[in-house]
Amino acid sequence: SVLTFARERKVVFRFDDVSGWFQALRYENEGEDCVVQGPIADPRNVDEEEQYSFESTRIIPFPGTPVVCHGLQKAAHLNGKIGDVRGLDVKEKEDGNKYFDVDIDRCVVHFEDKSLAPVKVKATNLRVVFDLPNETTPSR
């Protein structure tokens, strides 16, 4: 289901000798650091994964990850709004390659509040949401 997939909270991180897809587990130090587990292999083998703590500003949420906006200046009305990443807007770099740069590129966020239009947000202005509602059976 969508909520089960979202609960995986996949993020990508590249730094020195550690890179790949990870599962975000929690924030520490008042949100300054994000604890992740991985890298995630396909097929996944949790026993071979390790936990790491990275600066939150270095985390890039993977499409499907629930997020909340924070620290927005020009669109401050979106701070605190919850949504999920639906895509990544990655520009071609000067070297001709396409890779996600947290200072330049954006995550495409669709909001829970359907009256809000989807927006492109810097990954540094997003935080992974860890408290999701329990799955429920739709009422008839």
C-alpha atoms as a PDB file:
ATOM      1  CA  SER A   1       0.000   0.000   0.000  1.00  0.00           C
ATOM      2  CA  VAL A   2       0.978   3.645  -0.308  1.00  0.00           C
ATOM      3  CA  LEU A   3       1.400   4.114   3.464  1.00  0.00           C
ATOM      4  CA  THR A   4       3.563   1.000   3.733  1.00  0.00           C
ATOM      5  CA  PHE A   5       5.790   2.309   0.953  1.00  0.00           C
ATOM      6  CA  ALA A   6       5.903   5.767   2.560  1.00  0.00           C
ATOM      7  CA  ARG A   7       6.900   4.271   5.914  1.00  0.00           C
ATOM      8  CA  GLU A   8      10.175   3.153   4.313  1.00  0.00           C
ATOM      9  CA  ARG A   9      11.153   6.853   4.083  1.00  0.00           C
ATOM     10  CA  LYS A  10      13.885   6.314   1.525  1.00  0.00           C
ATOM     11  CA  VAL A  11      16.506   9.002   1.190  1.00  0.00           C
ATOM     12  CA  VAL A  12      19.701   9.259  -0.800  1.00  0.00           C
ATOM     13  CA  PHE A  13      23.012  10.413   0.547  1.00  0.00           C
ATOM     14  CA  ARG A  14      26.456  10.721  -1.036  1.00  0.00           C
ATOM     15  CA  PHE A  15      29.485  11.537   1.056  1.00  0.00           C
ATOM     16  CA  ASP A  16      33.054  10.291   0.732  1.00  0.00           C
ATOM     17  CA  ASP A  17      32.981   6.472   0.993  1.00  0.00           C
ATOM     18  CA  VAL A  18      29.291   6.168   1.979  1.00  0.00           C
ATOM     19  CA  SER A  19      26.636   6.591  -0.701  1.00  0.00           C
ATOM     20  CA  GLY A  20      23.394   5.076  -1.889  1.00  0.00           C
ATOM     21  CA  TRP A  21      19.787   4.692  -0.778  1.00  0.00           C
ATOM     22  CA  PHE A  22      19.029   4.640   2.939  1.00  0.00           C
ATOM     23  CA  GLN A  23      16.010   4.403   5.197  1.00  0.00           C
ATOM     24  CA  ALA A  24      15.601   7.489   7.358  1.00  0.00           C
ATOM     25  CA  LEU A  25      14.955   6.401  10.969  1.00  0.00           C
ATOM     26  CA  ARG A  26      14.807   9.564  13.091  1.00  0.00           C
ATOM     27  CA  TYR A  27      16.207  13.020  13.727  1.00  0.00           C
ATOM     28  CA  GLU A  28      18.615  13.840  16.547  1.00  0.00           C
ATOM     29  CA  ASN A  29      20.133  17.046  17.952  1.00  0.00           C
ATOM     30  CA  GLU A  30      16.896  19.005  17.418  1.00  0.00           C
ATOM     31  CA  GLY A  31      16.739  17.998  13.760  1.00  0.00           C
ATOM     32  CA  GLU A  32      20.349  18.848  12.917  1.00  0.00           C
ATOM     33  CA  ASP A  33      21.228  15.198  12.206  1.00  0.00           C
ATOM     34  CA  CYS A  34      19.287  12.412  10.533  1.00  0.00           C
ATOM     35  CA  VAL A  35      19.934   8.791  11.520  1.00  0.00           C
ATOM     36  CA  VAL A  36      19.669   6.458   8.538  1.00  0.00           C
ATOM     37  CA  GLN A  37      20.100   2.743   7.893  1.00  0.00           C
ATOM     38  CA  GLY A  38      21.643   1.267   4.767  1.00  0.00           C
ATOM     39  CA  PRO A  39      22.760   1.412   2.106  1.00  0.00           C
ATOM     40  CA  ILE A  40      19.721  -0.490   0.854  1.00  0.00           C
ATOM     41  CA  ALA A  41      20.530  -3.333  -1.548  1.00  0.00           C
ATOM     42  CA  ASP A  42      18.113  -4.964  -3.974  1.00  0.00           C
ATOM     43  CA  PRO A  43      16.930  -7.358  -2.697  1.00  0.00           C
ATOM     44  CA  ARG A  44      17.120  -5.744   0.714  1.00  0.00           C
ATOM     45  CA  ASN A  45      19.098  -7.483   3.465  1.00  0.00           C
ATOM     46  CA  VAL A  46      18.641  -5.495   6.684  1.00  0.00           C
ATOM     47  CA  ASP A  47      21.226  -7.643   8.495  1.00  0.00           C
ATOM     48  CA  GLU A  48      23.977  -6.260   6.247  1.00  0.00           C
ATOM     49  CA  GLU A  49      22.962  -2.615   6.680  1.00  0.00           C
ATOM     50  CA  GLU A  50      24.535  -0.180   9.111  1.00  0.00           C
ATOM     51  CA  GLN A  51      23.272   2.939  10.859  1.00  0.00           C
ATOM     52  CA  TYR A  52      24.816   6.322  10.113  1.00  0.00           C
ATOM     53  CA  SER A  53      24.150   9.856  11.277  1.00  0.00           C
ATOM     54  CA  PHE A  54      24.374  12.592   8.648  1.00  0.00           C
ATOM     55  CA  GLU A  55      23.706  16.323   8.638  1.00  0.00           C
ATOM     56  CA  SER A  56      20.002  16.745   7.843  1.00  0.00           C
ATOM     57  CA  THR A  57      20.832  19.250   5.120  1.00  0.00           C
ATOM     58  CA  ARG A  58      22.652  16.497   3.179  1.00  0.00           C
ATOM     59  CA  ILE A  59      19.602  14.198   2.977  1.00  0.00           C
ATOM     60  CA  ILE A  60      17.623  14.014  -0.294  1.00  0.00           C
ATOM     61  CA  PRO A  61      14.132  12.498   0.110  1.00  0.00           C
ATOM     62  CA  PHE A  62      13.276   9.845  -2.484  1.00  0.00           C
ATOM     63  CA  PRO A  63       9.914  10.110  -4.296  1.00  0.00           C
ATOM     64  CA  GLY A  64       7.173   8.677  -2.064  1.00  0.00           C
ATOM     65  CA  THR A  65       8.773   9.931   1.162  1.00  0.00           C
ATOM     66  CA  PRO A  66       6.463  11.979   3.430  1.00  0.00           C
ATOM     67  CA  VAL A  67       7.909  15.424   4.187  1.00  0.00           C
ATOM     68  CA  VAL A  68       7.108  18.709   5.899  1.00  0.00           C
ATOM     69  CA  CYS A  69       8.297  22.102   4.648  1.00  0.00           C
ATOM     70  CA  HIS A  70      10.366  24.330   6.927  1.00  0.00           C
ATOM     71  CA  GLY A  71      12.516  27.440   6.660  1.00  0.00           C
ATOM     72  CA  LEU A  72      10.880  28.710   3.480  1.00  0.00           C
ATOM     73  CA  GLN A  73      11.224  32.481   3.038  1.00  0.00           C
ATOM     74  CA  LYS A  74       9.386  33.322  -0.202  1.00  0.00           C
ATOM     75  CA  ALA A  75       6.633  30.734   0.426  1.00  0.00           C
ATOM     76  CA  ALA A  76       6.471  30.927   4.229  1.00  0.00           C
ATOM     77  CA  HIS A  77       2.779  29.939   4.130  1.00  0.00           C
ATOM     78  CA  LEU A  78       3.950  26.417   3.231  1.00  0.00           C
ATOM     79  CA  ASN A  79       6.086  25.998   6.370  1.00  0.00           C
ATOM     80  CA  GLY A  80       4.581  23.194   8.462  1.00  0.00           C
ATOM     81  CA  LYS A  81       2.595  21.805   5.519  1.00  0.00           C
ATOM     82  CA  ILE A  82       2.845  18.043   5.011  1.00  0.00           C
ATOM     83  CA  GLY A  83       3.141  16.345   1.659  1.00  0.00           C
ATOM     84  CA  ASP A  84       5.207  13.787  -0.169  1.00  0.00           C
ATOM     85  CA  VAL A  85       7.977  13.962  -2.716  1.00  0.00           C
ATOM     86  CA  ARG A  86       6.714  12.963  -6.158  1.00  0.00           C
ATOM     87  CA  GLY A  87       9.795  13.691  -8.211  1.00  0.00           C
ATOM     88  CA  LEU A  88      13.192  15.339  -8.404  1.00  0.00           C
ATOM     89  CA  ASP A  89      13.893  18.373 -10.597  1.00  0.00           C
ATOM     90  CA  VAL A  90      17.558  17.875 -11.521  1.00  0.00           C
ATOM     91  CA  LYS A  91      19.381  20.335 -13.788  1.00  0.00           C
ATOM     92  CA  GLU A  92      22.268  19.414 -16.048  1.00  0.00           C
ATOM     93  CA  LYS A  93      25.507  20.636 -14.478  1.00  0.00           C
ATOM     94  CA  GLU A  94      28.418  22.480 -16.111  1.00  0.00           C
ATOM     95  CA  ASP A  95      30.286  19.189 -16.496  1.00  0.00           C
ATOM     96  CA  GLY A  96      27.396  17.840 -18.616  1.00  0.00           C
ATOM     97  CA  ASN A  97      26.232  15.363 -15.969  1.00  0.00           C
ATOM     98  CA  LYS A  98      22.898  15.211 -14.179  1.00  0.00           C
ATOM     99  CA  TYR A  99      23.098  14.590 -10.434  1.00  0.00           C
ATOM    100  CA  PHE A 100      21.189  16.040  -7.506  1.00  0.00           C
ATOM    101  CA  ASP A 101      22.884  19.086  -5.958  1.00  0.00           C
ATOM    102  CA  VAL A 102      21.202  20.134  -2.683  1.00  0.00           C
ATOM    103  CA  ASP A 103      22.109  23.780  -3.352  1.00  0.00           C
ATOM    104  CA  ILE A 104      20.604  23.956  -6.848  1.00  0.00           C
ATOM    105  CA  ASP A 105      18.065  21.206  -7.494  1.00  0.00           C
ATOM    106  CA  ARG A 106      14.568  20.740  -6.099  1.00  0.00           C
ATOM    107  CA  CYS A 107      12.136  18.077  -4.892  1.00  0.00           C
ATOM    108  CA  VAL A 108       8.620  18.192  -6.344  1.00  0.00           C
ATOM    109  CA  VAL A 109       6.218  18.131  -3.367  1.00  0.00           C
ATOM    110  CA  HIS A 110       2.480  17.414  -3.500  1.00  0.00           C
ATOM    111  CA  PHE A 111       0.605  18.420  -0.352  1.00  0.00           C
ATOM    112  CA  GLU A 112      -1.943  16.658   1.830  1.00  0.00           C
ATOM    113  CA  ASP A 113      -4.029  19.817   1.558  1.00  0.00           C
ATOM    114  CA  LYS A 114      -5.228  19.467  -2.038  1.00  0.00           C
ATOM    115  CA  SER A 115      -6.003  23.213  -2.180  1.00  0.00           C
ATOM    116  CA  LEU A 116      -2.229  23.769  -2.310  1.00  0.00           C
ATOM    117  CA  ALA A 117      -0.577  23.405  -5.692  1.00  0.00           C
ATOM    118  CA  PRO A 118       2.501  21.161  -6.004  1.00  0.00           C
ATOM    119  CA  VAL A 119       5.771  23.074  -5.620  1.00  0.00           C
ATOM    120  CA  LYS A 120       9.493  22.576  -6.178  1.00  0.00           C
ATOM    121  CA  VAL A 121      11.365  22.836  -2.877  1.00  0.00           C
ATOM    122  CA  LYS A 122      15.059  22.625  -1.992  1.00  0.00           C
ATOM    123  CA  ALA A 123      15.806  19.417  -0.094  1.00  0.00           C
ATOM    124  CA  THR A 124      17.311  21.568   2.670  1.00  0.00           C
ATOM    125  CA  ASN A 125      13.806  22.997   3.267  1.00  0.00           C
ATOM    126  CA  LEU A 126      12.234  19.569   3.762  1.00  0.00           C
ATOM    127  CA  ARG A 127      12.189  17.245   6.744  1.00  0.00           C
ATOM    128  CA  VAL A 128      11.105  13.631   6.645  1.00  0.00           C
ATOM    129  CA  VAL A 129       7.840  13.013   8.530  1.00  0.00           C
ATOM    130  CA  PHE A 130       8.060  10.042  10.894  1.00  0.00           C
ATOM    131  CA  ASP A 131       4.611  10.139  12.548  1.00  0.00           C
ATOM    132  CA  LEU A 132       2.163   8.862   9.955  1.00  0.00           C
ATOM    133  CA  PRO A 133      -1.422   7.787  10.590  1.00  0.00           C
ATOM    134  CA  ASN A 134      -2.144   4.070  10.925  1.00  0.00           C
ATOM    135  CA  GLU A 135      -3.543   2.412   7.841  1.00  0.00           C
ATOM    136  CA  THR A 136      -7.294   2.096   7.993  1.00  0.00           C
ATOM    137  CA  THR A 137      -9.821   0.332   5.869  1.00  0.00           C
ATOM    138  CA  PRO A 138     -11.889   2.843   3.916  1.00  0.00           C
ATOM    139  CA  SER A 139     -15.393   3.215   5.306  1.00  0.00           C
ATOM    140  CA  ARG A 140     -18.282   2.354   3.026  1.00  0.00           C
END
